[in-house]
Amino acid sequence: MSLGIFLIITLSGLYALQTIRGTSEKYLFLKYEKEFSVISEENKNLAVKSSQIISLDKVSNLLDESCQGAGLTFEKINKVHYIRPLETQLVSK
């Protein structure tokens, strides 16, 4: 009789421990899955940004090479001046 009670208590304890362990593993799995999705999204964004940077560098280099080959030179713009229309002029049909 006491062996049966001991066996029931022991098996119940093992079942409880196994259930707790399974729950904690499931929680960790969901946590890591969420982190993985965030990191994957960041990776996609970085891949797009790096391809844009590489393509802009290529465009800049191609522009420099083609302008030098054609004998053209460009100057860096320091200040932009816009043409402002006079306020007294009106457009009519």
Protein backbone atom coordinates (compact mmCIF):
# COMPACT_ATOMS: atom_id res chain seq x y z
CA MET A 1 0.00 0.00 0.00
CA SER A 2 2.72 2.49 0.94
CA LEU A 3 4.67 1.49 -2.19
CA GLY A 4 1.63 2.37 -4.32
CA ILE A 5 1.26 5.81 -2.66
CA PHE A 6 5.00 6.44 -3.04
CA LEU A 7 4.81 5.46 -6.71
CA ILE A 8 1.79 7.72 -7.35
CA ILE A 9 3.48 10.70 -5.63
CA THR A 10 6.74 10.10 -7.49
CA LEU A 11 5.05 9.78 -10.88
CA SER A 12 2.88 12.84 -10.20
CA GLY A 13 5.99 14.83 -9.31
CA LEU A 14 7.78 13.70 -12.45
CA TYR A 15 4.73 14.58 -14.55
CA ALA A 16 4.60 18.07 -13.00
CA LEU A 17 8.31 18.62 -13.63
CA GLN A 18 7.98 17.42 -17.21
CA THR A 19 5.01 19.72 -17.80
CA ILE A 20 6.85 22.72 -16.35
CA ARG A 21 9.92 21.94 -18.45
CA GLY A 22 7.84 21.59 -21.63
CA THR A 23 6.09 24.90 -20.94
CA SER A 24 9.36 26.74 -20.38
CA GLU A 25 10.85 25.25 -23.56
CA LYS A 26 7.79 26.34 -25.54
CA TYR A 27 8.10 29.87 -24.11
CA LEU A 28 11.79 30.01 -25.03
CA PHE A 29 11.03 28.68 -28.52
CA LEU A 30 8.43 31.42 -29.11
CA LYS A 31 10.82 34.05 -27.76
CA TYR A 32 13.64 32.91 -30.05
CA GLU A 33 11.27 32.67 -32.99
CA LYS A 34 10.22 36.29 -32.46
CA GLU A 35 13.86 37.42 -32.19
CA PHE A 36 14.66 35.48 -35.35
CA SER A 37 11.89 37.23 -37.27
CA VAL A 38 13.12 40.64 -36.07
CA ILE A 39 16.71 39.84 -37.04
CA SER A 40 15.57 38.50 -40.42
CA GLU A 41 13.70 41.75 -41.11
CA GLU A 42 16.76 43.80 -40.12
CA ASN A 43 18.88 41.61 -42.39
CA LYS A 44 16.56 42.30 -45.34
CA ASN A 45 16.71 46.05 -44.65
CA LEU A 46 20.50 45.96 -44.46
CA ALA A 47 20.71 44.01 -47.70
CA VAL A 48 18.57 46.62 -49.46
CA LYS A 49 20.62 49.49 -48.01
CA SER A 50 23.92 47.86 -48.96
CA SER A 51 22.74 47.27 -52.52
CA GLN A 52 21.65 50.92 -52.74
CA ILE A 53 25.02 52.11 -51.42
CA ILE A 54 26.89 49.86 -53.83
CA SER A 55 24.76 51.01 -56.77
CA LEU A 56 25.21 54.68 -55.81
CA ASP A 57 28.97 54.17 -55.60
CA LYS A 58 28.93 52.53 -59.02
CA VAL A 59 26.89 55.38 -60.50
CA SER A 60 29.24 57.93 -58.98
CA ASN A 61 32.29 56.11 -60.32
CA LEU A 62 30.74 55.67 -63.77
CA LEU A 63 29.80 59.35 -63.85
CA ASP A 64 33.31 60.37 -62.86
CA GLU A 65 34.88 58.09 -65.47
CA SER A 66 32.56 59.16 -68.29
CA CYS A 67 32.97 62.85 -67.51
CA GLN A 68 36.75 62.59 -67.37
CA GLY A 69 36.80 60.61 -70.61
CA ALA A 70 34.68 63.24 -72.35
CA GLY A 71 36.76 66.08 -70.95
CA LEU A 72 33.93 67.33 -68.73
CA THR A 73 34.37 68.53 -65.18
CA PHE A 74 31.73 69.18 -62.57
CA GLU A 75 31.90 71.53 -59.64
CA LYS A 76 30.34 70.98 -56.26
CA ILE A 77 27.40 73.30 -55.62
CA ASN A 78 27.67 75.34 -52.44
CA LYS A 79 24.55 77.44 -52.63
CA VAL A 80 21.42 77.19 -54.78
CA HIS A 81 19.68 80.32 -56.10
CA TYR A 82 16.07 80.00 -57.24
CA ILE A 83 14.35 82.28 -59.75
CA ARG A 84 11.43 84.02 -58.07
CA PRO A 85 8.56 85.31 -60.19
CA LEU A 86 7.34 88.84 -59.64
CA GLU A 87 4.18 89.02 -57.60
CA THR A 88 2.54 91.54 -59.93
CA GLN A 89 2.52 89.20 -62.93
CA LEU A 90 -0.61 87.13 -63.57
CA VAL A 91 -1.26 84.39 -66.04
CA SER A 92 -4.39 84.69 -68.13
CA LYS A 93 -5.90 82.95 -71.14
